[in-house]
C-alpha atoms as a PDB file:
ATOM      1  CA  UNK A   1     124.532 184.582  94.379  1.00  0.00           C
ATOM      2  CA  UNK A   2     121.902 182.577  92.542  1.00  0.00           C
ATOM      3  CA  UNK A   3     122.419 182.730  88.815  1.00  0.00           C
ATOM      4  CA  UNK A   4     120.857 181.245  85.738  1.00  0.00           C
ATOM      5  CA  UNK A   5     122.104 179.514  83.775  1.00  0.00           C
ATOM      6  CA  UNK A   6     124.586 178.111  86.201  1.00  0.00           C
ATOM      7  CA  UNK A   7     123.623 175.259  88.452  1.00  0.00           C
ATOM      8  CA  UNK A   8     125.015 173.013  89.919  1.00  0.00           C
ATOM      9  CA  UNK A   9     128.453 174.428  90.730  1.00  0.00           C
ATOM     10  CA  UNK A  10     131.034 173.190  93.195  1.00  0.00           C
ATOM     11  CA  UNK A  11     134.461 174.479  94.220  1.00  0.00           C
ATOM     12  CA  UNK A  12     136.675 172.794  96.741  1.00  0.00           C
ATOM     13  CA  UNK A  13     140.005 171.401  97.757  1.00  0.00           C
ATOM     14  CA  UNK A  14     140.866 167.734  97.979  1.00  0.00           C
ATOM     15  CA  UNK A  15     144.277 166.196  98.671  1.00  0.00           C
ATOM     16  CA  UNK A  16     145.863 169.644  98.480  1.00  0.00           C
ATOM     17  CA  UNK A  17     144.417 170.513  95.059  1.00  0.00           C
ATOM     18  CA  UNK A  18     141.639 172.915  94.166  1.00  0.00           C
ATOM     19  CA  UNK A  19     138.868 171.765  91.863  1.00  0.00           C
ATOM     20  CA  UNK A  20     135.739 173.036  90.139  1.00  0.00           C
ATOM     21  CA  UNK A  21     132.679 171.079  89.157  1.00  0.00           C
ATOM     22  CA  UNK A  22     130.886 173.026  86.442  1.00  0.00           C
ATOM     23  CA  UNK A  23     127.345 172.395  85.197  1.00  0.00           C
ATOM     24  CA  UNK A  24     126.791 170.195  82.158  1.00  0.00           C
ATOM     25  CA  UNK A  25     124.791 172.477  79.885  1.00  0.00           C
ATOM     26  CA  UNK A  26     126.953 174.674  77.624  1.00  0.00           C
ATOM     27  CA  UNK A  27     125.488 178.042  78.657  1.00  0.00           C
ATOM     28  CA  UNK A  28     125.666 177.102  82.336  1.00  0.00           C
ATOM     29  CA  UNK A  29     129.259 175.965  81.977  1.00  0.00           C
ATOM     30  CA  UNK A  30     130.222 179.194  80.206  1.00  0.00           C
ATOM     31  CA  UNK A  31     128.510 181.474  82.729  1.00  0.00           C
ATOM     32  CA  UNK A  32     129.978 179.678  85.753  1.00  0.00           C
ATOM     33  CA  UNK A  33     133.442 179.569  84.240  1.00  0.00           C
ATOM     34  CA  UNK A  34     133.444 183.281  83.370  1.00  0.00           C
ATOM     35  CA  UNK A  35     131.971 184.449  86.685  1.00  0.00           C
ATOM     36  CA  UNK A  36     133.582 182.053  89.179  1.00  0.00           C
ATOM     37  CA  UNK A  37     136.245 179.693  87.808  1.00  0.00           C
ATOM     38  CA  UNK A  38     138.282 182.179  85.765  1.00  0.00           C
ATOM     39  CA  UNK A  39     138.507 184.525  88.768  1.00  0.00           C
ATOM     40  CA  UNK A  40     139.623 181.706  91.051  1.00  0.00           C
ATOM     41  CA  UNK A  41     142.261 180.535  88.568  1.00  0.00           C
ATOM     42  CA  UNK A  42     143.566 184.096  88.208  1.00  0.00           C
ATOM     43  CA  UNK A  43     143.779 184.588  91.986  1.00  0.00           C
ATOM     44  CA  UNK A  44     145.297 181.149  92.620  1.00  0.00           C
ATOM     45  CA  UNK A  45     147.757 181.873  89.810  1.00  0.00           C
ATOM     46  CA  UNK A  46     149.100 184.906  91.645  1.00  0.00           C
ATOM     47  CA  UNK A  47     147.094 187.846  90.316  1.00  0.00           C
ATOM     48  CA  UNK A  48     146.422 190.481  92.970  1.00  0.00           C
ATOM     49  CA  UNK A  49     142.889 191.022  91.737  1.00  0.00           C
ATOM     50  CA  UNK A  50     140.632 189.011  89.451  1.00  0.00           C
ATOM     51  CA  UNK A  51     139.363 190.896  86.425  1.00  0.00           C
ATOM     52  CA  UNK A  52     135.677 190.488  85.665  1.00  0.00           C
ATOM     53  CA  UNK A  53     135.327 192.476  82.436  1.00  0.00           C
ATOM     54  CA  UNK A  54     131.953 194.185  82.869  1.00  0.00           C
ATOM     55  CA  UNK A  55     130.654 197.199  81.055  1.00  0.00           C
ATOM     56  CA  UNK A  56     127.359 198.953  80.505  1.00  0.00           C
ATOM     57  CA  UNK A  57     125.694 198.950  77.100  1.00  0.00           C
ATOM     58  CA  UNK A  58     122.532 200.393  75.606  1.00  0.00           C
ATOM     59  CA  UNK A  59     119.842 197.856  74.711  1.00  0.00           C
ATOM     60  CA  UNK A  60     118.820 197.842  71.066  1.00  0.00           C
ATOM     61  CA  UNK A  61     115.435 196.260  71.837  1.00  0.00           C
ATOM     62  CA  UNK A  62     113.041 195.637  74.722  1.00  0.00           C
ATOM     63  CA  UNK A  63     113.978 192.715  76.919  1.00  0.00           C
ATOM     64  CA  UNK A  64     112.069 190.680  79.541  1.00  0.00           C
ATOM     65  CA  UNK A  65     113.124 187.857  81.834  1.00  0.00           C
ATOM     66  CA  UNK A  66     111.803 186.050  84.886  1.00  0.00           C
ATOM     67  CA  UNK A  67     112.803 187.976  87.978  1.00  0.00           C
ATOM     68  CA  UNK A  68     114.344 186.266  90.996  1.00  0.00           C
ATOM     69  CA  UNK A  69     117.773 185.199  89.689  1.00  0.00           C
ATOM     70  CA  UNK A  70     120.686 187.062  88.157  1.00  0.00           C
ATOM     71  CA  UNK A  71     120.650 185.911  84.542  1.00  0.00           C
ATOM     72  CA  UNK A  72     123.651 185.726  82.219  1.00  0.00           C
ATOM     73  CA  UNK A  73     122.109 185.653  78.762  1.00  0.00           C
ATOM     74  CA  UNK A  74     123.749 185.438  75.343  1.00  0.00           C
ATOM     75  CA  UNK A  75     123.937 188.708  73.449  1.00  0.00           C
ATOM     76  CA  UNK A  76     125.767 190.521  70.669  1.00  0.00           C
ATOM     77  CA  UNK A  77     127.603 193.715  71.542  1.00  0.00           C
ATOM     78  CA  UNK A  78     128.680 196.170  68.855  1.00  0.00           C
ATOM     79  CA  UNK A  79     128.988 199.926  68.386  1.00  0.00           C
ATOM     80  CA  UNK A  80     125.179 200.224  68.219  1.00  0.00           C
ATOM     81  CA  UNK A  81     124.597 198.631  71.635  1.00  0.00           C
ATOM     82  CA  UNK A  82     123.744 195.175  72.916  1.00  0.00           C
ATOM     83  CA  UNK A  83     121.130 192.873  71.398  1.00  0.00           C
ATOM     84  CA  UNK A  84     119.838 189.737  73.146  1.00  0.00           C
ATOM     85  CA  UNK A  85     120.335 186.519  71.169  1.00  0.00           C
ATOM     86  CA  UNK A  86     117.214 184.394  70.851  1.00  0.00           C
ATOM     87  CA  UNK A  87     117.915 181.109  72.576  1.00  0.00           C
ATOM     88  CA  UNK A  88     116.191 177.936  73.645  1.00  0.00           C
ATOM     89  CA  UNK A  89     117.791 177.512  77.052  1.00  0.00           C
ATOM     90  CA  UNK A  90     121.124 176.523  78.526  1.00  0.00           C
ATOM     91  CA  UNK A  91     121.669 173.669  76.073  1.00  0.00           C
ATOM     92  CA  UNK A  92     121.438 175.943  73.015  1.00  0.00           C
ATOM     93  CA  UNK A  93     125.011 175.805  71.706  1.00  0.00           C
ATOM     94  CA  UNK A  94     124.142 177.676  68.480  1.00  0.00           C
ATOM     95  CA  UNK A  95     122.924 180.698  70.467  1.00  0.00           C
ATOM     96  CA  UNK A  96     126.148 180.710  72.476  1.00  0.00           C
ATOM     97  CA  UNK A  97     128.146 180.607  69.246  1.00  0.00           C
ATOM     98  CA  UNK A  98     126.235 183.625  67.866  1.00  0.00           C
ATOM     99  CA  UNK A  99     126.870 185.644  71.052  1.00  0.00           C
ATOM    100  CA  UNK A 100     130.006 187.633  71.818  1.00  0.00           C
ATOM    101  CA  UNK A 101     129.049 188.585  75.387  1.00  0.00           C
ATOM    102  CA  UNK A 102     126.587 187.849  78.175  1.00  0.00           C
ATOM    103  CA  UNK A 103     123.925 190.357  79.260  1.00  0.00           C
ATOM    104  CA  UNK A 104     123.525 190.454  83.035  1.00  0.00           C
ATOM    105  CA  UNK A 105     119.871 190.875  83.999  1.00  0.00           C
ATOM    106  CA  UNK A 106     119.273 191.926  87.596  1.00  0.00           C
ATOM    107  CA  UNK A 107     117.130 189.604  89.725  1.00  0.00           C
ATOM    108  CA  UNK A 108     114.766 192.343  90.916  1.00  0.00           C
ATOM    109  CA  UNK A 109     114.186 193.833  87.478  1.00  0.00           C
ATOM    110  CA  UNK A 110     111.979 191.745  85.130  1.00  0.00           C
ATOM    111  CA  UNK A 111     112.079 194.039  82.096  1.00  0.00           C
ATOM    112  CA  UNK A 112     114.278 196.530  80.327  1.00  0.00           C
ATOM    113  CA  UNK A 113     113.328 198.941  77.554  1.00  0.00           C
ATOM    114  CA  UNK A 114     115.162 199.757  74.354  1.00  0.00           C
ATOM    115  CA  UNK A 115     117.596 202.591  75.021  1.00  0.00           C
ATOM    116  CA  UNK A 116     118.181 201.675  78.674  1.00  0.00           C
ATOM    117  CA  UNK A 117     121.532 200.405  79.861  1.00  0.00           C
ATOM    118  CA  UNK A 118     122.242 196.893  81.053  1.00  0.00           C
ATOM    119  CA  UNK A 119     125.388 195.284  82.431  1.00  0.00           C
ATOM    120  CA  UNK A 120     127.369 193.183  79.978  1.00  0.00           C
ATOM    121  CA  UNK A 121     130.037 190.576  80.750  1.00  0.00           C
ATOM    122  CA  UNK A 122     132.604 190.629  77.976  1.00  0.00           C
ATOM    123  CA  UNK A 123     134.133 187.399  76.693  1.00  0.00           C
ATOM    124  CA  UNK A 124     137.895 187.114  76.905  1.00  0.00           C
END
């Protein structure tokens, strides 16, 4: 799966120990940890199944992104729906701090309209 933000990412085993190499930008690190590393740690720790807390939420405004990659974008989820957080890229720590979830934009779908549903990855 190609995601953005989220590159480069490495997972391996050396000298009998598993390791992750996460990207350096804050948003990339967060997305890769939530999608890949947390699940691996849960499974390696003995859980039968990794929990990826996804839900669907109604968009509170129109949203566009560049198609081609699955995008994990900062957003705020509340009882009224999910609202994208304006951000300046994967180094924007302030945008990550304002967000309480990540919207998951499908790679083949470049735009969503207010009132439509979109996948949301909840923070734990």
